[in-house]
Amino acid sequence: MLAVVGIYGDSRGWWDDRGFLTNLLSSMTSVFFGVPSALIFLGRLGSHQAEVLQRRAVQRRARLTRQRFREAVLQGFASQDLEALKPKLAQIGMTHHLYKGAIENYRNDPERRATLQTVHDDYERLLSECIRERSPHGVREWRGDIVLLWRTLDEEIRPRVEELGLTWLSTRHYLHVRESMAELEKTWTGARPFTDVDQALRILLGQEEARRPGGIERARSRLGSRCDSSYQMTIAMTGLLMRLDDLDRIGT
């Protein structure tokens, strides 16, 4: 409106002898045009800066969490030479099959006992070369750290990463990690102390008498549970190991 009045006044010569009024009207016109434009510009600039800061905060949290997740997974392995571990991890599957078969087909005779001793030693040797030894309490504590870190990545960081258009896992890799995590959460639940497992082996090898009726069957059950839970944990950890490089790209 002020601009229209100014232009009309110029055509009528209203401002020829009114310098102060002319300047005042020009200044007011500039203010009414300039201030809204400046506010719009500053608002957009502030919004952009807020988005940049938010993006950086999400990227920083994603980087720190995925690094901690990687460290926690690697702490589960007996060696940091992952290339040397891979063929041994592959052997565990076949050795587990033989070990489980020796437990299920156990008979109290010298040949079966010798077979059980051999496959038990092979399995435990491979396991100790691949998986870091811990007490049942230590395993649960370590496993709990991995579970919490994954939940942070999946439930808190994933929605923010996807909202900001940052990198997340592909659907196939995401489902693979979730499957490995579900397997890891199931393992060692209610695991018996290692001393009970050692005692079960001695009973089956004839090195110790079963103290109660049905002691042989309980010993087989304990040894079988130990065999399966350790194998399931190895499979879960191997699955996570395969996806660590993909996890390192989250939030980039």
C-alpha atoms as a PDB file:
ATOM      1  CA  MET A   1       0.000   0.000   0.000  1.00  0.00           C
ATOM      2  CA  LEU A   2       2.811   2.415   0.902  1.00  0.00           C
ATOM      3  CA  ALA A   3       4.523   1.672  -2.405  1.00  0.00           C
ATOM      4  CA  VAL A   4       1.299   2.430  -4.311  1.00  0.00           C
ATOM      5  CA  VAL A   5       0.853   5.696  -2.424  1.00  0.00           C
ATOM      6  CA  GLY A   6       4.471   6.670  -3.128  1.00  0.00           C
ATOM      7  CA  ILE A   7       4.198   5.958  -6.853  1.00  0.00           C
ATOM      8  CA  TYR A   8       0.883   7.805  -7.115  1.00  0.00           C
ATOM      9  CA  GLY A   9       2.311  10.749  -5.168  1.00  0.00           C
ATOM     10  CA  ASP A  10       5.289  10.956  -7.536  1.00  0.00           C
ATOM     11  CA  SER A  11       2.934  11.201 -10.517  1.00  0.00           C
ATOM     12  CA  ARG A  12       1.051  14.051  -8.794  1.00  0.00           C
ATOM     13  CA  GLY A  13       4.126  15.881  -7.566  1.00  0.00           C
ATOM     14  CA  TRP A  14       3.142  15.579  -3.934  1.00  0.00           C
ATOM     15  CA  TRP A  15       6.704  15.119  -2.718  1.00  0.00           C
ATOM     16  CA  ASP A  16       8.426  17.895  -4.675  1.00  0.00           C
ATOM     17  CA  ASP A  17       8.801  20.209  -1.641  1.00  0.00           C
ATOM     18  CA  ARG A  18       8.525  17.595   1.101  1.00  0.00           C
ATOM     19  CA  GLY A  19      11.967  15.975   1.444  1.00  0.00           C
ATOM     20  CA  PHE A  20      11.485  14.718   4.997  1.00  0.00           C
ATOM     21  CA  LEU A  21       8.106  13.171   4.245  1.00  0.00           C
ATOM     22  CA  THR A  22       9.533  11.601   1.097  1.00  0.00           C
ATOM     23  CA  ASN A  23      12.387   9.989   3.051  1.00  0.00           C
ATOM     24  CA  LEU A  24      10.043   8.870   5.820  1.00  0.00           C
ATOM     25  CA  LEU A  25       7.657   7.231   3.373  1.00  0.00           C
ATOM     26  CA  SER A  26      10.561   5.550   1.523  1.00  0.00           C
ATOM     27  CA  SER A  27      11.995   4.225   4.794  1.00  0.00           C
ATOM     28  CA  MET A  28       8.667   2.871   5.945  1.00  0.00           C
ATOM     29  CA  THR A  29       8.138   1.196   2.571  1.00  0.00           C
ATOM     30  CA  SER A  30      11.593  -0.431   2.825  1.00  0.00           C
ATOM     31  CA  VAL A  31      10.856  -1.648   6.352  1.00  0.00           C
ATOM     32  CA  PHE A  32       7.557  -3.222   5.366  1.00  0.00           C
ATOM     33  CA  PHE A  33       9.211  -4.985   2.428  1.00  0.00           C
ATOM     34  CA  GLY A  34      12.569  -5.826   4.003  1.00  0.00           C
ATOM     35  CA  VAL A  35      11.645  -7.071   7.477  1.00  0.00           C
ATOM     36  CA  PRO A  36       9.271  -9.877   6.339  1.00  0.00           C
ATOM     37  CA  SER A  37      11.772 -10.954   3.680  1.00  0.00           C
ATOM     38  CA  ALA A  38      14.579 -11.025   6.247  1.00  0.00           C
ATOM     39  CA  LEU A  39      12.441 -12.999   8.698  1.00  0.00           C
ATOM     40  CA  ILE A  40      11.583 -15.566   6.024  1.00  0.00           C
ATOM     41  CA  PHE A  41      15.271 -15.903   5.063  1.00  0.00           C
ATOM     42  CA  LEU A  42      16.436 -16.185   8.678  1.00  0.00           C
ATOM     43  CA  GLY A  43      13.697 -18.696   9.438  1.00  0.00           C
ATOM     44  CA  ARG A  44      14.761 -20.913   6.544  1.00  0.00           C
ATOM     45  CA  LEU A  45      18.421 -20.546   7.496  1.00  0.00           C
ATOM     46  CA  GLY A  46      17.675 -21.475  11.113  1.00  0.00           C
ATOM     47  CA  SER A  47      15.637 -24.483  10.026  1.00  0.00           C
ATOM     48  CA  HIS A  48      18.467 -25.666   7.777  1.00  0.00           C
ATOM     49  CA  GLN A  49      21.033 -25.252  10.549  1.00  0.00           C
ATOM     50  CA  ALA A  50      18.808 -27.143  12.984  1.00  0.00           C
ATOM     51  CA  GLU A  51      18.474 -30.008  10.494  1.00  0.00           C
ATOM     52  CA  VAL A  52      22.247 -30.094   9.959  1.00  0.00           C
ATOM     53  CA  LEU A  53      22.864 -30.211  13.722  1.00  0.00           C
ATOM     54  CA  GLN A  54      20.229 -32.921  14.149  1.00  0.00           C
ATOM     55  CA  ARG A  55      21.772 -34.939  11.330  1.00  0.00           C
ATOM     56  CA  ARG A  56      25.235 -34.676  12.877  1.00  0.00           C
ATOM     57  CA  ALA A  57      23.922 -35.708  16.293  1.00  0.00           C
ATOM     58  CA  VAL A  58      22.242 -38.813  14.848  1.00  0.00           C
ATOM     59  CA  GLN A  59      25.359 -39.704  12.851  1.00  0.00           C
ATOM     60  CA  ARG A  60      27.547 -39.315  15.927  1.00  0.00           C
ATOM     61  CA  ARG A  61      25.295 -41.510  18.062  1.00  0.00           C
ATOM     62  CA  ALA A  62      25.026 -44.121  15.308  1.00  0.00           C
ATOM     63  CA  ARG A  63      28.826 -44.190  14.917  1.00  0.00           C
ATOM     64  CA  LEU A  64      29.481 -44.595  18.648  1.00  0.00           C
ATOM     65  CA  THR A  65      26.810 -47.281  19.088  1.00  0.00           C
ATOM     66  CA  ARG A  66      27.871 -49.351  16.085  1.00  0.00           C
ATOM     67  CA  GLN A  67      31.510 -49.139  17.219  1.00  0.00           C
ATOM     68  CA  ARG A  68      30.547 -50.418  20.670  1.00  0.00           C
ATOM     69  CA  PHE A  69      28.470 -53.175  19.075  1.00  0.00           C
ATOM     70  CA  ARG A  70      31.421 -54.257  16.909  1.00  0.00           C
ATOM     71  CA  GLU A  71      33.748 -54.292  19.924  1.00  0.00           C
ATOM     72  CA  ALA A  72      31.268 -56.343  21.966  1.00  0.00           C
ATOM     73  CA  VAL A  73      30.854 -58.922  19.196  1.00  0.00           C
ATOM     74  CA  LEU A  74      34.610 -59.249  18.677  1.00  0.00           C
ATOM     75  CA  GLN A  75      35.130 -59.700  22.410  1.00  0.00           C
ATOM     76  CA  GLY A  76      33.273 -62.978  22.091  1.00  0.00           C
ATOM     77  CA  PHE A  77      35.959 -64.497  19.892  1.00  0.00           C
ATOM     78  CA  ALA A  78      39.142 -66.069  21.194  1.00  0.00           C
ATOM     79  CA  SER A  79      41.278 -64.380  18.533  1.00  0.00           C
ATOM     80  CA  GLN A  80      41.196 -61.129  16.598  1.00  0.00           C
ATOM     81  CA  ASP A  81      42.640 -62.885  13.529  1.00  0.00           C
ATOM     82  CA  LEU A  82      39.229 -63.269  11.941  1.00  0.00           C
ATOM     83  CA  GLU A  83      40.513 -64.750   8.686  1.00  0.00           C
ATOM     84  CA  ALA A  84      42.169 -67.584  10.601  1.00  0.00           C
ATOM     85  CA  LEU A  85      38.980 -68.106  12.612  1.00  0.00           C
ATOM     86  CA  LYS A  86      36.657 -68.574   9.643  1.00  0.00           C
ATOM     87  CA  PRO A  87      37.759 -72.110   8.615  1.00  0.00           C
ATOM     88  CA  LYS A  88      37.641 -73.209  12.270  1.00  0.00           C
ATOM     89  CA  LEU A  89      34.144 -71.797  12.668  1.00  0.00           C
ATOM     90  CA  ALA A  90      33.135 -73.771   9.588  1.00  0.00           C
ATOM     91  CA  GLN A  91      34.536 -76.991  11.137  1.00  0.00           C
ATOM     92  CA  ILE A  92      32.505 -76.553  14.316  1.00  0.00           C
ATOM     93  CA  GLY A  93      29.284 -77.485  12.493  1.00  0.00           C
ATOM     94  CA  MET A  94      30.532 -80.936  11.472  1.00  0.00           C
ATOM     95  CA  THR A  95      32.202 -81.550  14.832  1.00  0.00           C
ATOM     96  CA  HIS A  96      28.989 -80.583  16.643  1.00  0.00           C
ATOM     97  CA  HIS A  97      27.074 -83.089  14.516  1.00  0.00           C
ATOM     98  CA  LEU A  98      29.507 -85.874  15.473  1.00  0.00           C
ATOM     99  CA  TYR A  99      29.516 -84.857  19.140  1.00  0.00           C
ATOM    100  CA  LYS A 100      25.726 -84.732  19.362  1.00  0.00           C
ATOM    101  CA  GLY A 101      25.515 -88.113  17.648  1.00  0.00           C
ATOM    102  CA  ALA A 102      27.983 -89.627  20.138  1.00  0.00           C
ATOM    103  CA  ILE A 103      25.871 -88.323  23.040  1.00  0.00           C
ATOM    104  CA  GLU A 104      22.572 -89.554  21.599  1.00  0.00           C
ATOM    105  CA  ASN A 105      23.978 -92.957  20.623  1.00  0.00           C
ATOM    106  CA  TYR A 106      25.878 -93.424  23.868  1.00  0.00           C
ATOM    107  CA  ARG A 107      26.108 -96.927  25.288  1.00  0.00           C
ATOM    108  CA  ASN A 108      28.051 -98.021  28.322  1.00  0.00           C
ATOM    109  CA  ASP A 109      30.738 -99.911  26.430  1.00  0.00           C
ATOM    110  CA  PRO A 110      34.446 -99.128  25.812  1.00  0.00           C
ATOM    111  CA  GLU A 111      34.047 -98.326  22.097  1.00  0.00           C
ATOM    112  CA  ARG A 112      31.219 -95.822  22.584  1.00  0.00           C
ATOM    113  CA  ARG A 113      33.010 -94.215  25.505  1.00  0.00           C
ATOM    114  CA  ALA A 114      36.183 -93.837  23.432  1.00  0.00           C
ATOM    115  CA  THR A 115      34.204 -92.249  20.587  1.00  0.00           C
ATOM    116  CA  LEU A 116      32.527 -89.840  22.998  1.00  0.00           C
ATOM    117  CA  GLN A 117      35.886 -88.856  24.507  1.00  0.00           C
ATOM    118  CA  THR A 118      37.430 -88.222  21.071  1.00  0.00           C
ATOM    119  CA  VAL A 119      34.627 -86.069  19.643  1.00  0.00           C
ATOM    120  CA  HIS A 120      34.224 -84.228  22.943  1.00  0.00           C
ATOM    121  CA  ASP A 121      37.918 -83.291  22.929  1.00  0.00           C
ATOM    122  CA  ASP A 122      37.780 -82.240  19.255  1.00  0.00           C
ATOM    123  CA  TYR A 123      34.694 -80.114  19.799  1.00  0.00           C
ATOM    124  CA  GLU A 124      35.996 -78.422  22.946  1.00  0.00           C
ATOM    125  CA  ARG A 125      39.358 -77.742  21.295  1.00  0.00           C
ATOM    126  CA  LEU A 126      37.722 -76.075  18.299  1.00  0.00           C
ATOM    127  CA  LEU A 127      35.357 -74.169  20.549  1.00  0.00           C
ATOM    128  CA  SER A 128      38.210 -72.846  22.719  1.00  0.00           C
ATOM    129  CA  GLU A 129      40.139 -71.779  19.591  1.00  0.00           C
ATOM    130  CA  CYS A 130      37.140 -69.811  18.307  1.00  0.00           C
ATOM    131  CA  ILE A 131      35.087 -68.627  21.280  1.00  0.00           C
ATOM    132  CA  ARG A 132      36.480 -66.831  24.298  1.00  0.00           C
ATOM    133  CA  GLU A 133      35.925 -68.856  27.457  1.00  0.00           C
ATOM    134  CA  ARG A 134      33.713 -67.310  30.131  1.00  0.00           C
ATOM    135  CA  SER A 135      31.787 -68.445  33.143  1.00  0.00           C
ATOM    136  CA  PRO A 136      28.003 -68.755  32.658  1.00  0.00           C
ATOM    137  CA  HIS A 137      27.616 -65.417  34.478  1.00  0.00           C
ATOM    138  CA  GLY A 138      30.240 -63.831  32.218  1.00  0.00           C
ATOM    139  CA  VAL A 139      28.465 -65.158  29.124  1.00  0.00           C
ATOM    140  CA  ARG A 140      25.118 -63.724  30.237  1.00  0.00           C
ATOM    141  CA  GLU A 141      26.698 -60.351  31.016  1.00  0.00           C
ATOM    142  CA  TRP A 142      28.498 -60.185  27.655  1.00  0.00           C
ATOM    143  CA  ARG A 143      25.409 -61.333  25.801  1.00  0.00           C
ATOM    144  CA  GLY A 144      23.314 -58.715  27.628  1.00  0.00           C
ATOM    145  CA  ASP A 145      25.640 -55.942  26.416  1.00  0.00           C
ATOM    146  CA  ILE A 146      25.236 -57.040  22.796  1.00  0.00           C
ATOM    147  CA  VAL A 147      21.452 -57.313  23.119  1.00  0.00           C
ATOM    148  CA  LEU A 148      21.128 -53.811  24.606  1.00  0.00           C
ATOM    149  CA  LEU A 149      23.380 -52.277  21.957  1.00  0.00           C
ATOM    150  CA  TRP A 150      21.400 -53.919  19.168  1.00  0.00           C
ATOM    151  CA  ARG A 151      18.110 -52.699  20.661  1.00  0.00           C
ATOM    152  CA  THR A 152      19.519 -49.170  20.726  1.00  0.00           C
ATOM    153  CA  LEU A 153      20.472 -49.456  17.062  1.00  0.00           C
ATOM    154  CA  ASP A 154      17.202 -51.046  16.007  1.00  0.00           C
ATOM    155  CA  GLU A 155      14.626 -49.257  18.157  1.00  0.00           C
ATOM    156  CA  GLU A 156      16.150 -45.805  18.692  1.00  0.00           C
ATOM    157  CA  ILE A 157      18.665 -45.072  15.950  1.00  0.00           C
ATOM    158  CA  ARG A 158      16.973 -46.808  12.993  1.00  0.00           C
ATOM    159  CA  PRO A 159      13.843 -44.550  12.983  1.00  0.00           C
ATOM    160  CA  ARG A 160      15.993 -41.393  13.132  1.00  0.00           C
ATOM    161  CA  VAL A 161      18.377 -42.648  10.454  1.00  0.00           C
ATOM    162  CA  GLU A 162      15.516 -43.508   8.097  1.00  0.00           C
ATOM    163  CA  GLU A 163      13.771 -40.181   8.802  1.00  0.00           C
ATOM    164  CA  LEU A 164      16.897 -38.244   7.834  1.00  0.00           C
ATOM    165  CA  GLY A 165      17.600 -40.373   4.759  1.00  0.00           C
ATOM    166  CA  LEU A 166      20.838 -41.821   6.144  1.00  0.00           C
ATOM    167  CA  THR A 167      22.166 -45.325   5.508  1.00  0.00           C
ATOM    168  CA  TRP A 168      20.566 -48.321   7.215  1.00  0.00           C
ATOM    169  CA  LEU A 169      20.879 -52.049   6.610  1.00  0.00           C
ATOM    170  CA  SER A 170      19.317 -53.592   3.529  1.00  0.00           C
ATOM    171  CA  THR A 171      16.226 -55.684   4.253  1.00  0.00           C
ATOM    172  CA  ARG A 172      18.133 -58.940   3.726  1.00  0.00           C
ATOM    173  CA  HIS A 173      21.007 -57.931   6.013  1.00  0.00           C
ATOM    174  CA  TYR A 174      18.631 -56.531   8.630  1.00  0.00           C
ATOM    175  CA  LEU A 175      16.692 -59.805   8.802  1.00  0.00           C
ATOM    176  CA  HIS A 176      19.978 -61.720   8.991  1.00  0.00           C
ATOM    177  CA  VAL A 177      21.135 -59.674  11.987  1.00  0.00           C
ATOM    178  CA  ARG A 178      17.753 -60.011  13.709  1.00  0.00           C
ATOM    179  CA  GLU A 179      17.859 -63.777  13.237  1.00  0.00           C
ATOM    180  CA  SER A 180      21.376 -63.952  14.700  1.00  0.00           C
ATOM    181  CA  MET A 181      20.359 -61.765  17.642  1.00  0.00           C
ATOM    182  CA  ALA A 182      17.288 -63.925  18.337  1.00  0.00           C
ATOM    183  CA  GLU A 183      19.518 -67.014  18.315  1.00  0.00           C
ATOM    184  CA  LEU A 184      22.006 -65.343  20.642  1.00  0.00           C
ATOM    185  CA  GLU A 185      19.288 -64.318  23.108  1.00  0.00           C
ATOM    186  CA  LYS A 186      18.089 -67.927  23.352  1.00  0.00           C
ATOM    187  CA  THR A 187      21.489 -69.413  24.147  1.00  0.00           C
ATOM    188  CA  TRP A 188      22.774 -70.144  27.622  1.00  0.00           C
ATOM    189  CA  THR A 189      19.422 -69.351  29.239  1.00  0.00           C
ATOM    190  CA  GLY A 190      19.487 -71.283  32.485  1.00  0.00           C
ATOM    191  CA  ALA A 191      22.828 -72.864  31.552  1.00  0.00           C
ATOM    192  CA  ARG A 192      24.236 -75.163  34.200  1.00  0.00           C
ATOM    193  CA  PRO A 193      27.658 -74.531  35.721  1.00  0.00           C
ATOM    194  CA  PHE A 194      30.594 -76.010  33.818  1.00  0.00           C
ATOM    195  CA  THR A 195      31.367 -78.231  36.826  1.00  0.00           C
ATOM    196  CA  ASP A 196      28.064 -80.065  36.239  1.00  0.00           C
ATOM    197  CA  VAL A 197      28.977 -80.568  32.578  1.00  0.00           C
ATOM    198  CA  ASP A 198      32.399 -81.945  33.520  1.00  0.00           C
ATOM    199  CA  GLN A 199      30.768 -84.266  36.028  1.00  0.00           C
ATOM    200  CA  ALA A 200      28.283 -85.447  33.383  1.00  0.00           C
ATOM    201  CA  LEU A 201      31.171 -86.296  31.039  1.00  0.00           C
ATOM    202  CA  ARG A 202      32.995 -88.246  33.760  1.00  0.00           C
ATOM    203  CA  ILE A 203      29.838 -90.268  34.451  1.00  0.00           C
ATOM    204  CA  LEU A 204      29.400 -91.149  30.794  1.00  0.00           C
ATOM    205  CA  LEU A 205      33.080 -92.073  30.453  1.00  0.00           C
ATOM    206  CA  GLY A 206      32.819 -94.379  33.458  1.00  0.00           C
ATOM    207  CA  GLN A 207      35.179 -92.253  35.533  1.00  0.00           C
ATOM    208  CA  GLU A 208      32.543 -91.496  38.162  1.00  0.00           C
ATOM    209  CA  GLU A 209      29.509 -93.365  39.442  1.00  0.00           C
ATOM    210  CA  ALA A 210      26.029 -91.911  38.950  1.00  0.00           C
ATOM    211  CA  ARG A 211      24.697 -91.185  42.425  1.00  0.00           C
ATOM    212  CA  ARG A 212      20.994 -91.532  41.639  1.00  0.00           C
ATOM    213  CA  PRO A 213      18.827 -93.730  39.458  1.00  0.00           C
ATOM    214  CA  GLY A 214      18.591 -92.265  35.978  1.00  0.00           C
ATOM    215  CA  GLY A 215      21.932 -90.534  36.433  1.00  0.00           C
ATOM    216  CA  ILE A 216      23.172 -91.675  33.017  1.00  0.00           C
ATOM    217  CA  GLU A 217      20.223 -90.064  31.238  1.00  0.00           C
ATOM    218  CA  ARG A 218      20.615 -86.832  33.210  1.00  0.00           C
ATOM    219  CA  ALA A 219      24.310 -86.771  32.316  1.00  0.00           C
ATOM    220  CA  ARG A 220      23.471 -87.220  28.620  1.00  0.00           C
ATOM    221  CA  SER A 221      20.894 -84.430  28.876  1.00  0.00           C
ATOM    222  CA  ARG A 222      23.355 -82.031  30.524  1.00  0.00           C
ATOM    223  CA  LEU A 223      26.089 -82.763  28.016  1.00  0.00           C
ATOM    224  CA  GLY A 224      23.640 -82.425  25.112  1.00  0.00           C
ATOM    225  CA  SER A 225      22.371 -79.068  26.398  1.00  0.00           C
ATOM    226  CA  ARG A 226      25.929 -77.781  26.718  1.00  0.00           C
ATOM    227  CA  CYS A 227      26.732 -79.025  23.210  1.00  0.00           C
ATOM    228  CA  ASP A 228      23.652 -77.379  21.648  1.00  0.00           C
ATOM    229  CA  SER A 229      23.820 -74.062  23.517  1.00  0.00           C
ATOM    230  CA  SER A 230      27.500 -73.520  22.722  1.00  0.00           C
ATOM    231  CA  TYR A 231      26.886 -74.394  19.068  1.00  0.00           C
ATOM    232  CA  GLN A 232      23.886 -72.058  18.828  1.00  0.00           C
ATOM    233  CA  MET A 233      25.954 -69.233  20.292  1.00  0.00           C
ATOM    234  CA  THR A 234      28.732 -69.936  17.784  1.00  0.00           C
ATOM    235  CA  ILE A 235      26.267 -69.835  14.880  1.00  0.00           C
ATOM    236  CA  ALA A 236      24.771 -66.562  16.142  1.00  0.00           C
ATOM    237  CA  MET A 237      28.187 -64.956  16.583  1.00  0.00           C
ATOM    238  CA  THR A 238      29.325 -66.118  13.150  1.00  0.00           C
ATOM    239  CA  GLY A 239      26.208 -64.535  11.641  1.00  0.00           C
ATOM    240  CA  LEU A 240      26.951 -61.221  13.384  1.00  0.00           C
ATOM    241  CA  LEU A 241      30.589 -61.404  12.313  1.00  0.00           C
ATOM    242  CA  MET A 242      29.506 -61.668   8.671  1.00  0.00           C
ATOM    243  CA  ARG A 243      27.432 -58.483   8.979  1.00  0.00           C
ATOM    244  CA  LEU A 244      29.888 -56.244  10.871  1.00  0.00           C
ATOM    245  CA  ASP A 245      31.026 -54.395   7.731  1.00  0.00           C
ATOM    246  CA  ASP A 246      27.380 -53.683   6.814  1.00  0.00           C
ATOM    247  CA  LEU A 247      26.684 -52.480  10.348  1.00  0.00           C
ATOM    248  CA  ASP A 248      29.643 -50.093  10.100  1.00  0.00           C
ATOM    249  CA  ARG A 249      27.790 -48.160   7.382  1.00  0.00           C
ATOM    250  CA  ILE A 250      24.754 -47.363   9.540  1.00  0.00           C
ATOM    251  CA  GLY A 251      24.170 -43.620   9.733  1.00  0.00           C
ATOM    252  CA  THR A 252      26.589 -42.649   6.982  1.00  0.00           C
END
